[in-house]
Amino acid sequence: MKNAVKLLPILLLWILASCNSQKVYSDYDYSYSRNGGVNPVYENFLIKDGHGHYSYEANGKKTTKKVKISTADLQKLEQALTANNFRMIQEDYKKLYDQVSTSIRVKKGANAASKSDASQIMPQDQERWDNVVRVFQEIMNSKTGQ
């Protein structure tokens, strides 16, 4: 019984640490993710308060990086979202399988919305979607070296 009492604080600490590790995936202002496909790819780039969290997993390769996001990068991102009227980009209703899809979620500001090309983007909005995706990829690539 004494051993069980001694292990209780360790068990509680372990539980709290494991629960907190998922916080990064739910507490963000901007999220870019690519996943799926026949050969699955999982790529996430999350931004919160000038900090970025990048993770990538595919073909047995795993990468995780924490990076700083400048005010200029955040402004560039917001300008792209506003200029391309992100909230009004329409997703199609088709069902597509075995493709890598991209999802973008914005949780703050006037551009707060969630969009995904998992079912494709309506043709009239494709260029605006591509513009927003490009800015996310440029920032992500410049910060992570991917």
N, C-alpha and C. Protein backbone atom coordinates (compact mmCIF):
# COMPACT_ATOMS: atom_id res chain seq x y z
N MET A 1 0.82 -1.20 0.00
CA MET A 1 0.00 0.00 0.00
C MET A 1 0.87 1.26 0.00
N LYS A 2 1.97 1.23 0.77
CA LYS A 2 2.85 2.41 0.82
C LYS A 2 3.47 2.67 -0.54
N ASN A 3 3.79 1.61 -1.27
CA ASN A 3 4.37 1.78 -2.60
C ASN A 3 3.37 2.43 -3.55
N ALA A 4 2.10 2.06 -3.43
CA ALA A 4 1.06 2.64 -4.27
C ALA A 4 0.91 4.12 -3.98
N VAL A 5 0.98 4.52 -2.73
CA VAL A 5 0.88 5.93 -2.35
C VAL A 5 2.06 6.71 -2.90
N LYS A 6 3.23 6.11 -2.91
CA LYS A 6 4.42 6.78 -3.44
C LYS A 6 4.34 6.94 -4.95
N LEU A 7 3.70 6.01 -5.62
CA LEU A 7 3.57 6.07 -7.07
C LEU A 7 2.47 7.01 -7.54
N LEU A 8 1.53 7.34 -6.68
CA LEU A 8 0.41 8.19 -7.06
C LEU A 8 0.86 9.56 -7.59
N PRO A 9 1.77 10.29 -6.93
CA PRO A 9 2.22 11.58 -7.49
C PRO A 9 2.89 11.43 -8.86
N ILE A 10 3.64 10.38 -9.03
CA ILE A 10 4.29 10.15 -10.32
C ILE A 10 3.26 9.88 -11.40
N LEU A 11 2.26 9.08 -11.07
CA LEU A 11 1.18 8.78 -12.01
C LEU A 11 0.42 10.05 -12.39
N LEU A 12 0.10 10.87 -11.40
CA LEU A 12 -0.62 12.13 -11.67
C LEU A 12 0.21 13.06 -12.55
N LEU A 13 1.49 13.16 -12.27
CA LEU A 13 2.37 14.01 -13.08
C LEU A 13 2.43 13.51 -14.52
N TRP A 14 2.52 12.21 -14.69
CA TRP A 14 2.55 11.61 -16.03
C TRP A 14 1.26 11.90 -16.79
N ILE A 15 0.12 11.77 -16.13
CA ILE A 15 -1.18 12.05 -16.76
C ILE A 15 -1.28 13.51 -17.18
N LEU A 16 -0.89 14.40 -16.28
CA LEU A 16 -0.94 15.83 -16.61
C LEU A 16 -0.01 16.18 -17.77
N ALA A 17 1.16 15.61 -17.79
CA ALA A 17 2.11 15.88 -18.88
C ALA A 17 1.59 15.36 -20.20
N SER A 18 0.98 14.20 -20.21
CA SER A 18 0.49 13.64 -21.46
C SER A 18 -0.71 14.42 -21.97
N CYS A 19 -1.55 14.93 -21.09
CA CYS A 19 -2.69 15.74 -21.52
C CYS A 19 -2.24 17.08 -22.07
N ASN A 20 -1.24 17.68 -21.47
CA ASN A 20 -0.75 18.99 -21.89
C ASN A 20 -0.05 18.93 -23.24
N SER A 21 0.48 17.78 -23.64
CA SER A 21 1.20 17.68 -24.90
C SER A 21 0.28 17.88 -26.10
N GLN A 22 -1.01 17.68 -25.94
CA GLN A 22 -1.95 17.87 -27.03
C GLN A 22 -2.43 19.32 -27.14
N LYS A 23 -2.09 20.16 -26.15
CA LYS A 23 -2.54 21.54 -26.14
C LYS A 23 -2.10 22.29 -27.39
N VAL A 24 -0.90 22.04 -27.86
CA VAL A 24 -0.39 22.74 -29.04
C VAL A 24 -1.30 22.51 -30.25
N TYR A 25 -1.96 21.38 -30.32
CA TYR A 25 -2.81 21.07 -31.48
C TYR A 25 -4.21 21.66 -31.38
N SER A 26 -4.55 22.26 -30.25
CA SER A 26 -5.87 22.86 -30.13
C SER A 26 -5.81 24.36 -29.82
N ASP A 27 -4.69 24.85 -29.34
CA ASP A 27 -4.55 26.24 -28.94
C ASP A 27 -3.70 26.99 -29.97
N TYR A 28 -4.34 27.51 -31.01
CA TYR A 28 -3.63 28.22 -32.06
C TYR A 28 -4.52 29.31 -32.65
N ASP A 29 -3.91 30.27 -33.35
CA ASP A 29 -4.65 31.31 -34.06
C ASP A 29 -4.81 30.95 -35.53
N TYR A 30 -3.78 30.33 -36.10
CA TYR A 30 -3.77 29.94 -37.52
C TYR A 30 -3.30 28.49 -37.61
N SER A 31 -3.94 27.74 -38.48
CA SER A 31 -3.55 26.34 -38.66
C SER A 31 -3.56 26.00 -40.14
N TYR A 32 -2.47 25.38 -40.57
CA TYR A 32 -2.35 24.86 -41.93
C TYR A 32 -2.04 23.38 -41.77
N SER A 33 -2.81 22.52 -42.41
CA SER A 33 -2.50 21.10 -42.34
C SER A 33 -2.75 20.42 -43.68
N ARG A 34 -1.89 19.46 -43.96
CA ARG A 34 -2.03 18.61 -45.14
C ARG A 34 -1.98 17.18 -44.63
N ASN A 35 -2.94 16.38 -45.08
CA ASN A 35 -2.89 14.98 -44.68
C ASN A 35 -3.70 14.11 -45.62
N GLY A 36 -3.44 12.81 -45.51
CA GLY A 36 -4.16 11.82 -46.31
C GLY A 36 -3.33 11.30 -47.45
N GLY A 37 -4.01 10.68 -48.39
CA GLY A 37 -3.36 10.14 -49.57
C GLY A 37 -3.13 8.65 -49.48
N VAL A 38 -2.78 8.06 -50.61
CA VAL A 38 -2.50 6.62 -50.68
C VAL A 38 -1.28 6.30 -49.81
N ASN A 39 -0.24 7.12 -49.92
CA ASN A 39 0.92 7.04 -49.02
C ASN A 39 0.75 8.20 -48.04
N PRO A 40 0.17 7.94 -46.88
CA PRO A 40 -0.24 9.03 -45.98
C PRO A 40 0.85 10.03 -45.64
N VAL A 41 0.44 11.29 -45.65
CA VAL A 41 1.27 12.42 -45.28
C VAL A 41 0.52 13.17 -44.19
N TYR A 42 1.23 13.56 -43.14
CA TYR A 42 0.65 14.38 -42.08
C TYR A 42 1.58 15.56 -41.86
N GLU A 43 1.09 16.75 -42.18
CA GLU A 43 1.89 17.96 -42.03
C GLU A 43 1.03 19.02 -41.36
N ASN A 44 1.52 19.61 -40.30
CA ASN A 44 0.80 20.64 -39.57
C ASN A 44 1.72 21.83 -39.32
N PHE A 45 1.15 23.02 -39.47
CA PHE A 45 1.86 24.24 -39.12
C PHE A 45 0.88 25.10 -38.36
N LEU A 46 1.12 25.26 -37.06
CA LEU A 46 0.22 25.99 -36.18
C LEU A 46 0.92 27.25 -35.69
N ILE A 47 0.18 28.36 -35.65
CA ILE A 47 0.75 29.64 -35.25
C ILE A 47 -0.08 30.21 -34.11
N LYS A 48 0.61 30.64 -33.05
CA LYS A 48 -0.04 31.27 -31.90
C LYS A 48 0.91 32.30 -31.32
N ASP A 49 0.47 33.56 -31.25
CA ASP A 49 1.23 34.63 -30.59
C ASP A 49 2.69 34.71 -31.03
N GLY A 50 2.94 34.67 -32.32
CA GLY A 50 4.30 34.83 -32.82
C GLY A 50 5.17 33.58 -32.70
N HIS A 51 4.58 32.47 -32.36
CA HIS A 51 5.31 31.20 -32.28
C HIS A 51 4.65 30.21 -33.23
N GLY A 52 5.48 29.40 -33.88
CA GLY A 52 4.97 28.39 -34.79
C GLY A 52 5.39 27.00 -34.34
N HIS A 53 4.54 26.05 -34.59
CA HIS A 53 4.83 24.65 -34.30
C HIS A 53 4.62 23.88 -35.60
N TYR A 54 5.69 23.27 -36.10
CA TYR A 54 5.64 22.52 -37.35
C TYR A 54 5.86 21.04 -37.07
N SER A 55 5.05 20.21 -37.68
CA SER A 55 5.27 18.76 -37.59
C SER A 55 4.97 18.13 -38.94
N TYR A 56 5.77 17.11 -39.25
CA TYR A 56 5.66 16.42 -40.53
C TYR A 56 5.92 14.94 -40.30
N GLU A 57 5.09 14.12 -40.95
CA GLU A 57 5.29 12.68 -40.88
C GLU A 57 4.85 12.05 -42.20
N ALA A 58 5.79 11.34 -42.83
CA ALA A 58 5.50 10.62 -44.07
C ALA A 58 6.65 9.67 -44.36
N ASN A 59 6.33 8.53 -44.94
CA ASN A 59 7.33 7.55 -45.34
C ASN A 59 8.34 7.23 -44.23
N GLY A 60 7.86 7.13 -43.00
CA GLY A 60 8.75 6.81 -41.89
C GLY A 60 9.58 7.98 -41.38
N LYS A 61 9.42 9.15 -41.97
CA LYS A 61 10.17 10.33 -41.57
C LYS A 61 9.30 11.21 -40.67
N LYS A 62 9.83 11.58 -39.51
CA LYS A 62 9.11 12.45 -38.58
C LYS A 62 9.97 13.67 -38.29
N THR A 63 9.36 14.85 -38.33
CA THR A 63 10.05 16.09 -38.02
C THR A 63 9.13 16.96 -37.17
N THR A 64 9.69 17.59 -36.17
CA THR A 64 8.96 18.55 -35.35
C THR A 64 9.88 19.73 -35.09
N LYS A 65 9.37 20.94 -35.30
CA LYS A 65 10.17 22.15 -35.06
C LYS A 65 9.30 23.23 -34.44
N LYS A 66 9.92 23.99 -33.57
CA LYS A 66 9.29 25.19 -33.02
C LYS A 66 10.04 26.38 -33.60
N VAL A 67 9.29 27.36 -34.12
CA VAL A 67 9.90 28.50 -34.79
C VAL A 67 9.25 29.80 -34.34
N LYS A 68 9.96 30.90 -34.54
CA LYS A 68 9.41 32.23 -34.27
C LYS A 68 8.77 32.75 -35.55
N ILE A 69 7.62 33.38 -35.39
CA ILE A 69 6.91 33.98 -36.52
C ILE A 69 6.94 35.50 -36.31
N SER A 70 7.48 36.22 -37.28
CA SER A 70 7.62 37.67 -37.15
C SER A 70 6.28 38.38 -37.34
N THR A 71 6.23 39.60 -36.88
CA THR A 71 5.05 40.44 -37.07
C THR A 71 4.80 40.64 -38.56
N ALA A 72 5.86 40.78 -39.34
CA ALA A 72 5.73 40.95 -40.79
C ALA A 72 5.08 39.71 -41.42
N ASP A 73 5.47 38.53 -40.96
CA ASP A 73 4.86 37.30 -41.48
C ASP A 73 3.38 37.23 -41.13
N LEU A 74 3.04 37.61 -39.91
CA LEU A 74 1.63 37.60 -39.50
C LEU A 74 0.82 38.61 -40.31
N GLN A 75 1.42 39.78 -40.58
CA GLN A 75 0.74 40.78 -41.39
C GLN A 75 0.55 40.27 -42.82
N LYS A 76 1.56 39.62 -43.35
CA LYS A 76 1.49 39.06 -44.70
C LYS A 76 0.35 38.02 -44.77
N LEU A 77 0.25 37.22 -43.75
CA LEU A 77 -0.79 36.20 -43.69
C LEU A 77 -2.18 36.84 -43.62
N GLU A 78 -2.34 37.81 -42.75
CA GLU A 78 -3.63 38.49 -42.62
C GLU A 78 -4.00 39.21 -43.92
N GLN A 79 -3.02 39.82 -44.57
CA GLN A 79 -3.29 40.51 -45.84
C GLN A 79 -3.76 39.52 -46.90
N ALA A 80 -3.13 38.36 -46.95
CA ALA A 80 -3.53 37.34 -47.93
C ALA A 80 -4.95 36.85 -47.64
N LEU A 81 -5.26 36.63 -46.38
CA LEU A 81 -6.60 36.18 -46.01
C LEU A 81 -7.65 37.22 -46.38
N THR A 82 -7.35 38.49 -46.10
CA THR A 82 -8.29 39.57 -46.40
C THR A 82 -8.41 39.80 -47.91
N ALA A 83 -7.27 39.90 -48.60
CA ALA A 83 -7.29 40.17 -50.05
C ALA A 83 -8.01 39.08 -50.83
N ASN A 84 -7.96 37.85 -50.33
CA ASN A 84 -8.59 36.73 -51.04
C ASN A 84 -9.95 36.36 -50.44
N ASN A 85 -10.46 37.21 -49.56
CA ASN A 85 -11.77 37.02 -48.95
C ASN A 85 -11.94 35.57 -48.47
N PHE A 86 -11.02 35.16 -47.61
CA PHE A 86 -10.94 33.77 -47.15
C PHE A 86 -12.28 33.22 -46.66
N ARG A 87 -13.00 34.01 -45.90
CA ARG A 87 -14.27 33.52 -45.33
C ARG A 87 -15.28 33.13 -46.40
N MET A 88 -15.18 33.71 -47.57
CA MET A 88 -16.17 33.46 -48.62
C MET A 88 -15.75 32.39 -49.63
N ILE A 89 -14.59 31.80 -49.46
CA ILE A 89 -14.18 30.71 -50.35
C ILE A 89 -15.12 29.54 -50.11
N GLN A 90 -15.67 29.01 -51.21
CA GLN A 90 -16.64 27.92 -51.08
C GLN A 90 -16.01 26.57 -51.39
N GLU A 91 -16.32 25.62 -50.53
CA GLU A 91 -15.88 24.25 -50.73
C GLU A 91 -16.92 23.52 -51.58
N ASP A 92 -16.47 22.59 -52.37
CA ASP A 92 -17.37 21.78 -53.20
C ASP A 92 -17.98 20.68 -52.32
N TYR A 93 -18.95 19.96 -52.86
CA TYR A 93 -19.61 18.91 -52.10
C TYR A 93 -19.25 17.52 -52.57
N LYS A 94 -18.32 17.42 -53.50
CA LYS A 94 -17.91 16.12 -54.02
C LYS A 94 -17.22 15.31 -52.94
N LYS A 95 -17.30 14.02 -53.06
CA LYS A 95 -16.58 13.14 -52.15
C LYS A 95 -15.36 12.61 -52.87
N LEU A 96 -14.18 12.92 -52.36
CA LEU A 96 -12.93 12.45 -52.94
C LEU A 96 -12.19 11.63 -51.90
N TYR A 97 -11.56 10.58 -52.35
CA TYR A 97 -10.84 9.70 -51.44
C TYR A 97 -9.41 9.52 -51.93
N ASP A 98 -8.54 9.11 -51.03
CA ASP A 98 -7.15 8.80 -51.36
C ASP A 98 -6.40 9.97 -51.99
N GLN A 99 -6.68 11.16 -51.53
CA GLN A 99 -5.92 12.32 -51.98
C GLN A 99 -5.40 13.07 -50.77
N VAL A 100 -4.32 13.78 -50.95
CA VAL A 100 -3.80 14.63 -49.88
C VAL A 100 -4.63 15.90 -49.89
N SER A 101 -5.21 16.22 -48.75
CA SER A 101 -6.03 17.42 -48.67
C SER A 101 -5.38 18.46 -47.76
N THR A 102 -5.70 19.70 -48.01
CA THR A 102 -5.18 20.81 -47.23
C THR A 102 -6.34 21.47 -46.49
N SER A 103 -6.12 21.75 -45.22
CA SER A 103 -7.12 22.44 -44.40
C SER A 103 -6.46 23.66 -43.78
N ILE A 104 -7.22 24.76 -43.76
CA ILE A 104 -6.75 25.99 -43.13
C ILE A 104 -7.83 26.44 -42.16
N ARG A 105 -7.40 26.73 -40.94
CA ARG A 105 -8.33 27.22 -39.93
C ARG A 105 -7.76 28.51 -39.35
N VAL A 106 -8.61 29.53 -39.29
CA VAL A 106 -8.25 30.80 -38.70
C VAL A 106 -9.23 31.02 -37.55
N LYS A 107 -8.69 31.16 -36.34
CA LYS A 107 -9.55 31.26 -35.16
C LYS A 107 -9.73 32.69 -34.65
N LYS A 108 -8.98 33.66 -35.20
CA LYS A 108 -9.09 35.00 -34.66
C LYS A 108 -9.24 36.03 -35.77
N GLY A 109 -9.85 37.13 -35.42
CA GLY A 109 -9.96 38.25 -36.35
C GLY A 109 -11.12 38.15 -37.32
N ALA A 110 -11.14 39.09 -38.24
CA ALA A 110 -12.23 39.19 -39.21
C ALA A 110 -12.23 38.04 -40.22
N ASN A 111 -11.12 37.33 -40.33
CA ASN A 111 -11.03 36.24 -41.30
C ASN A 111 -11.25 34.87 -40.67
N ALA A 112 -11.78 34.81 -39.46
CA ALA A 112 -11.98 33.54 -38.76
C ALA A 112 -12.91 32.64 -39.58
N ALA A 113 -12.38 31.48 -39.94
CA ALA A 113 -13.14 30.50 -40.72
C ALA A 113 -12.32 29.23 -40.82
N SER A 114 -12.94 28.19 -41.32
CA SER A 114 -12.27 26.91 -41.54
C SER A 114 -12.61 26.44 -42.94
N LYS A 115 -11.59 26.16 -43.74
CA LYS A 115 -11.79 25.73 -45.13
C LYS A 115 -10.88 24.54 -45.43
N SER A 116 -11.34 23.70 -46.35
CA SER A 116 -10.56 22.53 -46.73
C SER A 116 -10.83 22.19 -48.19
N ASP A 117 -9.80 21.68 -48.86
CA ASP A 117 -9.99 21.23 -50.23
C ASP A 117 -10.20 19.72 -50.30
N ALA A 118 -10.58 19.11 -49.18
CA ALA A 118 -10.80 17.66 -49.14
C ALA A 118 -11.88 17.24 -50.14
N SER A 119 -12.84 18.10 -50.37
CA SER A 119 -13.87 17.84 -51.37
C SER A 119 -13.73 18.80 -52.54
N GLN A 120 -12.59 19.38 -52.66
CA GLN A 120 -12.22 20.38 -53.66
C GLN A 120 -12.83 21.73 -53.31
N ILE A 121 -12.34 22.74 -54.00
CA ILE A 121 -12.81 24.12 -53.86
C ILE A 121 -13.59 24.44 -55.12
N MET A 122 -14.65 25.22 -54.99
CA MET A 122 -15.45 25.59 -56.16
C MET A 122 -14.53 26.29 -57.18
N PRO A 123 -14.71 26.00 -58.45
CA PRO A 123 -13.81 26.52 -59.50
C PRO A 123 -13.62 28.04 -59.44
N GLN A 124 -14.67 28.79 -59.17
CA GLN A 124 -14.56 30.25 -59.15
C GLN A 124 -13.72 30.75 -57.98
N ASP A 125 -13.49 29.91 -56.98
CA ASP A 125 -12.71 30.30 -55.80
C ASP A 125 -11.33 29.66 -55.75
N GLN A 126 -11.00 28.83 -56.72
CA GLN A 126 -9.75 28.08 -56.69
C GLN A 126 -8.52 28.99 -56.63
N GLU A 127 -8.50 30.05 -57.42
CA GLU A 127 -7.34 30.94 -57.44
C GLU A 127 -7.14 31.62 -56.08
N ARG A 128 -8.24 32.05 -55.45
CA ARG A 128 -8.14 32.69 -54.13
C ARG A 128 -7.63 31.68 -53.09
N TRP A 129 -8.11 30.45 -53.15
CA TRP A 129 -7.64 29.39 -52.26
C TRP A 129 -6.15 29.15 -52.45
N ASP A 130 -5.74 29.04 -53.71
CA ASP A 130 -4.32 28.81 -54.01
C ASP A 130 -3.44 29.94 -53.47
N ASN A 131 -3.94 31.18 -53.56
CA ASN A 131 -3.18 32.33 -53.06
C ASN A 131 -2.96 32.23 -51.55
N VAL A 132 -3.99 31.85 -50.81
CA VAL A 132 -3.89 31.73 -49.36
C VAL A 132 -2.95 30.58 -49.00
N VAL A 133 -3.12 29.44 -49.66
CA VAL A 133 -2.26 28.28 -49.41
C VAL A 133 -0.81 28.64 -49.67
N ARG A 134 -0.55 29.37 -50.75
CA ARG A 134 0.82 29.74 -51.12
C ARG A 134 1.48 30.57 -50.02
N VAL A 135 0.76 31.51 -49.42
CA VAL A 135 1.34 32.34 -48.37
C VAL A 135 1.67 31.49 -47.14
N PHE A 136 0.77 30.59 -46.76
CA PHE A 136 1.07 29.69 -45.64
C PHE A 136 2.33 28.88 -45.94
N GLN A 137 2.42 28.33 -47.16
CA GLN A 137 3.57 27.51 -47.52
C GLN A 137 4.86 28.31 -47.55
N GLU A 138 4.81 29.55 -48.03
CA GLU A 138 6.00 30.40 -48.07
C GLU A 138 6.52 30.67 -46.66
N ILE A 139 5.62 31.02 -45.75
CA ILE A 139 6.03 31.28 -44.37
C ILE A 139 6.57 30.00 -43.74
N MET A 140 5.85 28.91 -43.92
CA MET A 140 6.26 27.62 -43.36
C MET A 140 7.63 27.21 -43.89
N ASN A 141 7.83 27.29 -45.18
CA ASN A 141 9.10 26.88 -45.79
C ASN A 141 10.25 27.78 -45.34
N SER A 142 10.01 29.08 -45.22
CA SER A 142 11.08 29.98 -44.81
C SER A 142 11.48 29.75 -43.35
N LYS A 143 10.57 29.31 -42.54
CA LYS A 143 10.85 29.10 -41.12
C LYS A 143 11.37 27.70 -40.81
N THR A 144 10.97 26.72 -41.60
CA THR A 144 11.33 25.34 -41.27
C THR A 144 12.39 24.75 -42.19
N GLY A 145 12.65 25.42 -43.31
CA GLY A 145 13.64 24.92 -44.25
C GLY A 145 13.16 23.70 -45.02
N GLN A 146 11.89 23.48 -45.08
CA GLN A 146 11.34 22.30 -45.78
C GLN A 146 11.18 22.59 -47.25
